[in-house]
């Protein structure tokens, strides 16, 4: 075989392996607090911000801490690297991406996404009146 064919084949195989590994690492599943505590993989934790518990930004560590309650009612402290996301106070639901830290007892998030109420959604009374 020619050396060019061997090198080209090796490059193609390397790209396939790299692409597969990247895909598997970026494939992050949704879970609840209990599932996040059991797994050591990166997961997406969906729930609501517990506004009754304290939330704060620590400028020394540049971390934002808040409490999240999942759909089963289980609560978890979430520590986000960075400041609170935009519109966090208006959020109807929150998705935190990261890993549960069993040694410290909190969910360490690298990213937090918020779902806010849309100003374009009509209120239920307005929809009933228009039909």
N, C-alpha and C. Protein backbone atom coordinates (compact mmCIF):
# COMPACT_ATOMS: atom_id res chain seq x y z
N UNK A 1 0.84 -1.18 0.00
CA UNK A 1 0.00 0.00 0.00
C UNK A 1 0.88 1.24 0.00
N UNK A 2 0.31 2.27 -0.54
CA UNK A 2 1.05 3.52 -0.59
C UNK A 2 0.98 4.23 0.75
N UNK A 3 2.02 4.94 1.13
CA UNK A 3 2.03 5.65 2.42
C UNK A 3 0.94 6.72 2.51
N UNK A 4 0.61 7.36 1.40
CA UNK A 4 -0.44 8.39 1.42
C UNK A 4 -1.79 7.80 1.81
N UNK A 5 -2.09 6.61 1.31
CA UNK A 5 -3.35 5.95 1.62
C UNK A 5 -3.39 5.57 3.10
N UNK A 6 -2.28 5.10 3.63
CA UNK A 6 -2.22 4.72 5.04
C UNK A 6 -2.41 5.94 5.93
N UNK A 7 -1.74 7.04 5.61
CA UNK A 7 -1.87 8.27 6.40
C UNK A 7 -3.29 8.81 6.31
N UNK A 8 -3.87 8.81 5.13
CA UNK A 8 -5.24 9.30 4.96
C UNK A 8 -6.22 8.43 5.74
N UNK A 9 -6.03 7.12 5.70
CA UNK A 9 -6.90 6.21 6.45
C UNK A 9 -6.76 6.42 7.95
N UNK A 10 -5.55 6.65 8.44
CA UNK A 10 -5.33 6.91 9.86
C UNK A 10 -6.00 8.21 10.29
N UNK A 11 -5.94 9.23 9.44
CA UNK A 11 -6.57 10.51 9.76
C UNK A 11 -8.10 10.35 9.82
N UNK A 12 -8.67 9.62 8.89
CA UNK A 12 -10.11 9.39 8.88
C UNK A 12 -10.54 8.65 10.14
N UNK A 13 -9.81 7.60 10.51
CA UNK A 13 -10.12 6.84 11.72
C UNK A 13 -10.00 7.72 12.95
N UNK A 14 -8.97 8.57 13.01
CA UNK A 14 -8.79 9.47 14.15
C UNK A 14 -9.96 10.45 14.26
N UNK A 15 -10.43 11.00 13.15
CA UNK A 15 -11.57 11.91 13.18
C UNK A 15 -12.85 11.21 13.61
N UNK A 16 -13.03 9.97 13.19
CA UNK A 16 -14.23 9.22 13.60
C UNK A 16 -14.20 8.97 15.11
N UNK A 17 -13.05 8.58 15.63
CA UNK A 17 -12.93 8.34 17.07
C UNK A 17 -13.14 9.64 17.84
N UNK A 18 -12.51 10.72 17.40
CA UNK A 18 -12.66 12.02 18.06
C UNK A 18 -14.12 12.49 18.04
N UNK A 19 -14.79 12.35 16.90
CA UNK A 19 -16.19 12.74 16.79
C UNK A 19 -17.09 11.92 17.69
N UNK A 20 -16.84 10.62 17.79
CA UNK A 20 -17.65 9.76 18.65
C UNK A 20 -17.48 10.13 20.12
N UNK A 21 -16.25 10.35 20.54
CA UNK A 21 -15.99 10.72 21.93
C UNK A 21 -16.62 12.07 22.25
N UNK A 22 -16.49 13.03 21.35
CA UNK A 22 -17.09 14.35 21.56
C UNK A 22 -18.61 14.26 21.66
N UNK A 23 -19.22 13.45 20.81
CA UNK A 23 -20.67 13.28 20.85
C UNK A 23 -21.12 12.67 22.16
N UNK A 24 -20.43 11.64 22.62
CA UNK A 24 -20.82 10.98 23.86
C UNK A 24 -20.64 11.90 25.07
N UNK A 25 -19.65 12.77 25.05
CA UNK A 25 -19.45 13.70 26.15
C UNK A 25 -20.47 14.82 26.13
N UNK A 26 -20.93 15.22 24.95
CA UNK A 26 -21.89 16.32 24.86
C UNK A 26 -23.32 15.85 25.06
N UNK A 27 -23.55 14.55 25.02
CA UNK A 27 -24.88 13.99 25.21
C UNK A 27 -25.19 13.98 26.71
N UNK A 28 -25.93 14.99 27.17
CA UNK A 28 -26.20 15.15 28.59
C UNK A 28 -27.69 14.90 28.81
N UNK A 29 -28.01 13.96 29.71
CA UNK A 29 -29.40 13.59 29.94
C UNK A 29 -30.02 14.40 31.08
N UNK A 30 -31.34 14.53 31.04
CA UNK A 30 -32.09 15.17 32.11
C UNK A 30 -32.28 14.18 33.25
N UNK A 31 -32.27 14.69 34.48
CA UNK A 31 -32.51 13.84 35.64
C UNK A 31 -33.08 14.67 36.77
N UNK A 32 -33.46 14.00 37.84
CA UNK A 32 -33.93 14.69 39.04
C UNK A 32 -32.79 14.69 40.07
N UNK A 33 -33.06 15.23 41.25
CA UNK A 33 -32.02 15.35 42.28
C UNK A 33 -31.49 13.98 42.68
N UNK A 34 -32.37 13.01 42.86
CA UNK A 34 -31.95 11.67 43.25
C UNK A 34 -31.05 11.05 42.19
N UNK A 35 -31.42 11.20 40.93
CA UNK A 35 -30.60 10.67 39.84
C UNK A 35 -29.25 11.35 39.74
N UNK A 36 -29.22 12.66 39.99
CA UNK A 36 -27.95 13.39 39.96
C UNK A 36 -27.03 12.93 41.07
N UNK A 37 -27.59 12.58 42.23
CA UNK A 37 -26.78 12.11 43.35
C UNK A 37 -26.19 10.73 43.09
N UNK A 38 -26.87 9.93 42.29
CA UNK A 38 -26.42 8.56 42.02
C UNK A 38 -25.36 8.47 40.93
N UNK A 39 -25.38 9.36 39.97
CA UNK A 39 -24.47 9.26 38.84
C UNK A 39 -23.27 10.18 39.02
N UNK A 40 -22.20 9.83 38.36
CA UNK A 40 -21.00 10.67 38.38
C UNK A 40 -20.81 11.38 37.05
N UNK A 41 -21.80 11.23 36.16
CA UNK A 41 -21.74 11.87 34.86
C UNK A 41 -22.31 13.29 34.93
N UNK A 42 -22.02 14.06 33.90
CA UNK A 42 -22.61 15.39 33.77
C UNK A 42 -24.07 15.21 33.36
N UNK A 43 -24.97 15.89 34.07
CA UNK A 43 -26.40 15.77 33.82
C UNK A 43 -27.05 17.15 33.79
N UNK A 44 -28.30 17.18 33.36
CA UNK A 44 -29.10 18.40 33.39
C UNK A 44 -30.17 18.21 34.46
N UNK A 45 -30.12 19.06 35.46
CA UNK A 45 -31.04 18.98 36.59
C UNK A 45 -32.13 20.02 36.39
N UNK A 46 -33.38 19.56 36.23
CA UNK A 46 -34.50 20.45 35.96
C UNK A 46 -35.34 20.63 37.20
N UNK A 47 -35.75 21.86 37.45
CA UNK A 47 -36.61 22.14 38.59
C UNK A 47 -36.97 23.60 38.68
N UNK A 48 -37.34 24.03 39.88
CA UNK A 48 -37.71 25.43 40.12
C UNK A 48 -36.82 25.99 41.22
N UNK A 49 -36.54 27.27 41.11
CA UNK A 49 -35.75 27.97 42.10
C UNK A 49 -36.60 28.12 43.36
N UNK A 50 -36.07 27.71 44.50
CA UNK A 50 -36.76 27.86 45.78
C UNK A 50 -36.46 29.27 46.29
N UNK A 51 -37.41 30.17 46.11
CA UNK A 51 -37.21 31.58 46.47
C UNK A 51 -37.24 31.81 47.98
N UNK A 52 -37.69 30.81 48.74
CA UNK A 52 -37.73 30.94 50.20
C UNK A 52 -36.37 30.69 50.84
N UNK A 53 -35.48 30.04 50.11
CA UNK A 53 -34.14 29.76 50.62
C UNK A 53 -33.18 30.84 50.12
N UNK A 54 -32.08 31.07 50.83
CA UNK A 54 -31.15 32.13 50.43
C UNK A 54 -30.43 31.82 49.11
N UNK A 55 -30.21 32.86 48.34
CA UNK A 55 -29.40 32.76 47.13
C UNK A 55 -28.49 33.97 47.10
N UNK A 56 -27.23 33.75 46.69
CA UNK A 56 -26.28 34.86 46.75
C UNK A 56 -25.12 34.61 45.81
N UNK A 57 -24.48 35.71 45.42
CA UNK A 57 -23.26 35.66 44.61
C UNK A 57 -22.09 35.98 45.52
N UNK A 58 -21.07 35.15 45.49
CA UNK A 58 -19.86 35.36 46.30
C UNK A 58 -18.77 35.91 45.37
N UNK A 59 -18.41 37.19 45.51
CA UNK A 59 -17.41 37.77 44.60
C UNK A 59 -16.01 37.19 44.80
N UNK A 60 -15.72 36.63 45.96
CA UNK A 60 -14.40 36.03 46.20
C UNK A 60 -14.20 34.77 45.37
N UNK A 61 -15.22 33.93 45.33
CA UNK A 61 -15.12 32.68 44.57
C UNK A 61 -15.75 32.79 43.19
N UNK A 62 -16.41 33.91 42.89
CA UNK A 62 -17.18 34.14 41.66
C UNK A 62 -18.17 33.00 41.41
N UNK A 63 -18.91 32.66 42.47
CA UNK A 63 -19.92 31.61 42.36
C UNK A 63 -21.27 32.11 42.88
N UNK A 64 -22.32 31.67 42.20
CA UNK A 64 -23.68 31.99 42.58
C UNK A 64 -24.31 30.73 43.18
N UNK A 65 -24.91 30.86 44.35
CA UNK A 65 -25.51 29.72 45.05
C UNK A 65 -27.01 29.94 45.19
N UNK A 66 -27.79 28.89 44.89
CA UNK A 66 -29.23 28.94 45.08
C UNK A 66 -29.73 27.52 45.34
N UNK A 67 -31.01 27.39 45.66
CA UNK A 67 -31.60 26.08 45.94
C UNK A 67 -32.63 25.76 44.86
N UNK A 68 -32.59 24.53 44.37
CA UNK A 68 -33.48 24.07 43.31
C UNK A 68 -34.34 22.93 43.85
N UNK A 69 -35.62 22.94 43.50
CA UNK A 69 -36.56 21.88 43.88
C UNK A 69 -37.00 21.18 42.60
N UNK A 70 -36.82 19.85 42.54
CA UNK A 70 -37.21 19.12 41.33
C UNK A 70 -38.70 18.79 41.34
N UNK A 71 -39.16 18.07 40.33
CA UNK A 71 -40.58 17.76 40.18
C UNK A 71 -41.10 16.83 41.26
N UNK A 72 -40.21 16.08 41.92
CA UNK A 72 -40.61 15.19 43.01
C UNK A 72 -40.60 15.91 44.35
N UNK A 73 -40.20 17.19 44.37
CA UNK A 73 -40.18 17.96 45.60
C UNK A 73 -38.87 17.87 46.37
N UNK A 74 -37.87 17.20 45.81
CA UNK A 74 -36.58 17.06 46.48
C UNK A 74 -35.73 18.30 46.20
N UNK A 75 -35.11 18.82 47.26
CA UNK A 75 -34.34 20.07 47.15
C UNK A 75 -32.84 19.79 47.10
N UNK A 76 -32.13 20.66 46.41
CA UNK A 76 -30.69 20.52 46.27
C UNK A 76 -30.05 21.90 46.18
N UNK A 77 -28.92 22.06 46.86
CA UNK A 77 -28.18 23.32 46.74
C UNK A 77 -27.38 23.26 45.44
N UNK A 78 -27.43 24.35 44.67
CA UNK A 78 -26.73 24.43 43.39
C UNK A 78 -25.70 25.55 43.49
N UNK A 79 -24.46 25.25 43.10
CA UNK A 79 -23.38 26.24 43.06
C UNK A 79 -22.97 26.39 41.61
N UNK A 80 -23.17 27.59 41.07
CA UNK A 80 -22.87 27.90 39.68
C UNK A 80 -21.57 28.68 39.60
N UNK A 81 -20.67 28.27 38.71
CA UNK A 81 -19.47 29.04 38.46
C UNK A 81 -19.86 30.27 37.65
N UNK A 82 -19.81 31.44 38.27
CA UNK A 82 -20.17 32.68 37.60
C UNK A 82 -21.38 33.32 38.26
N UNK A 83 -21.82 34.40 37.64
CA UNK A 83 -22.96 35.17 38.18
C UNK A 83 -24.28 34.51 37.82
N UNK A 84 -25.34 35.01 38.45
CA UNK A 84 -26.69 34.51 38.17
C UNK A 84 -27.05 34.80 36.72
N UNK A 85 -27.76 33.89 36.06
CA UNK A 85 -28.17 34.12 34.67
C UNK A 85 -29.11 35.32 34.56
N UNK A 86 -29.19 35.88 33.38
CA UNK A 86 -30.13 36.97 33.12
C UNK A 86 -31.56 36.49 33.39
N UNK A 87 -32.37 37.38 33.91
CA UNK A 87 -33.79 37.11 34.19
C UNK A 87 -33.99 35.97 35.18
N UNK A 88 -33.01 35.70 36.03
CA UNK A 88 -33.13 34.60 36.98
C UNK A 88 -34.30 34.82 37.94
N UNK A 89 -34.53 36.05 38.34
CA UNK A 89 -35.60 36.36 39.28
C UNK A 89 -36.99 36.10 38.68
N UNK A 90 -37.11 36.16 37.36
CA UNK A 90 -38.39 35.97 36.68
C UNK A 90 -38.61 34.52 36.22
N UNK A 91 -37.65 33.65 36.44
CA UNK A 91 -37.69 32.30 35.89
C UNK A 91 -38.85 31.48 36.45
N UNK A 92 -39.53 30.76 35.56
CA UNK A 92 -40.57 29.83 35.97
C UNK A 92 -39.99 28.44 36.17
N UNK A 93 -38.90 28.13 35.48
CA UNK A 93 -38.18 26.87 35.70
C UNK A 93 -36.71 27.09 35.40
N UNK A 94 -35.88 26.19 35.95
CA UNK A 94 -34.43 26.32 35.84
C UNK A 94 -33.85 24.97 35.45
N UNK A 95 -32.84 24.98 34.58
CA UNK A 95 -32.10 23.77 34.22
C UNK A 95 -30.63 24.04 34.52
N UNK A 96 -30.06 23.23 35.41
CA UNK A 96 -28.64 23.36 35.77
C UNK A 96 -27.88 22.20 35.16
N UNK A 97 -26.80 22.52 34.44
CA UNK A 97 -25.95 21.49 33.83
C UNK A 97 -24.68 21.34 34.66
N UNK A 98 -24.40 20.13 35.08
CA UNK A 98 -23.20 19.90 35.87
C UNK A 98 -23.20 18.53 36.52
N UNK A 99 -22.48 18.42 37.66
CA UNK A 99 -22.33 17.16 38.39
C UNK A 99 -22.64 17.38 39.86
N UNK A 100 -23.16 16.35 40.49
CA UNK A 100 -23.36 16.41 41.94
C UNK A 100 -22.03 16.13 42.62
N UNK A 101 -21.69 16.95 43.62
CA UNK A 101 -20.45 16.80 44.38
C UNK A 101 -20.79 16.16 45.72
N UNK A 102 -20.61 14.82 45.85
CA UNK A 102 -21.01 14.15 47.09
C UNK A 102 -20.16 14.55 48.30
N UNK A 103 -18.91 14.92 48.06
CA UNK A 103 -18.04 15.31 49.18
C UNK A 103 -18.51 16.60 49.84
N UNK A 104 -19.00 17.54 49.04
CA UNK A 104 -19.44 18.84 49.56
C UNK A 104 -20.96 18.91 49.75
N UNK A 105 -21.70 17.98 49.12
CA UNK A 105 -23.14 17.93 49.29
C UNK A 105 -23.91 18.96 48.49
N UNK A 106 -23.45 19.29 47.29
CA UNK A 106 -24.17 20.22 46.43
C UNK A 106 -23.99 19.84 44.97
N UNK A 107 -24.83 20.42 44.10
CA UNK A 107 -24.75 20.22 42.66
C UNK A 107 -23.88 21.33 42.10
N UNK A 108 -22.76 20.99 41.49
CA UNK A 108 -21.84 21.98 40.93
C UNK A 108 -22.20 22.18 39.46
N UNK A 109 -22.76 23.35 39.15
CA UNK A 109 -23.24 23.64 37.80
C UNK A 109 -22.22 24.47 37.03
N UNK A 110 -22.04 24.10 35.78
CA UNK A 110 -21.20 24.89 34.89
C UNK A 110 -22.03 25.86 34.07
N UNK A 111 -23.35 25.59 34.02
CA UNK A 111 -24.26 26.44 33.24
C UNK A 111 -25.66 26.31 33.82
N UNK A 112 -26.39 27.41 33.84
CA UNK A 112 -27.79 27.41 34.29
C UNK A 112 -28.63 28.11 33.24
N UNK A 113 -29.68 27.44 32.80
CA UNK A 113 -30.61 28.00 31.82
C UNK A 113 -31.92 28.30 32.51
N UNK A 114 -32.55 29.40 32.15
CA UNK A 114 -33.82 29.77 32.77
C UNK A 114 -34.92 29.82 31.72
N UNK A 115 -36.12 29.47 32.15
CA UNK A 115 -37.30 29.62 31.29
C UNK A 115 -38.16 30.69 31.94
N UNK A 116 -38.38 31.76 31.22
CA UNK A 116 -39.18 32.86 31.74
C UNK A 116 -40.53 32.89 31.04
N UNK A 117 -41.52 33.45 31.69
CA UNK A 117 -42.83 33.57 31.04
C UNK A 117 -42.72 34.47 29.82
N UNK A 118 -43.37 34.08 28.76
CA UNK A 118 -43.30 34.85 27.53
C UNK A 118 -44.28 36.00 27.56
N UNK A 119 -43.82 37.14 27.12
CA UNK A 119 -44.74 38.29 27.05
C UNK A 119 -45.70 38.15 25.88
N UNK A 120 -45.43 37.18 24.99
CA UNK A 120 -46.29 36.99 23.83
C UNK A 120 -47.39 35.98 24.08
N UNK A 121 -47.34 35.25 25.20
CA UNK A 121 -48.38 34.28 25.50
C UNK A 121 -49.59 35.01 26.08
N UNK A 122 -50.75 34.70 25.57
CA UNK A 122 -51.97 35.33 26.07
C UNK A 122 -52.39 34.67 27.37
N UNK A 123 -53.02 35.43 28.23
CA UNK A 123 -53.54 34.89 29.47
C UNK A 123 -54.78 34.06 29.15
N UNK A 124 -55.07 33.08 29.98
CA UNK A 124 -56.17 32.15 29.69
C UNK A 124 -57.51 32.84 29.56
N UNK A 125 -57.76 33.90 30.35
CA UNK A 125 -59.03 34.60 30.24
C UNK A 125 -59.16 35.31 28.90
N UNK A 126 -58.05 35.87 28.40
CA UNK A 126 -58.07 36.56 27.12
C UNK A 126 -58.35 35.59 25.98
N UNK A 127 -57.82 34.38 26.07
CA UNK A 127 -58.03 33.38 25.02
C UNK A 127 -59.49 32.95 25.04
N UNK A 128 -60.08 32.76 26.22
CA UNK A 128 -61.47 32.34 26.30
C UNK A 128 -62.41 33.40 25.74
N UNK A 129 -62.10 34.68 26.01
CA UNK A 129 -62.96 35.76 25.53
C UNK A 129 -62.90 35.90 24.02
N UNK A 130 -61.74 35.62 23.41
CA UNK A 130 -61.60 35.81 21.98
C UNK A 130 -62.22 34.69 21.16
N UNK A 131 -62.54 33.55 21.79
CA UNK A 131 -63.12 32.43 21.02
C UNK A 131 -64.61 32.38 21.13
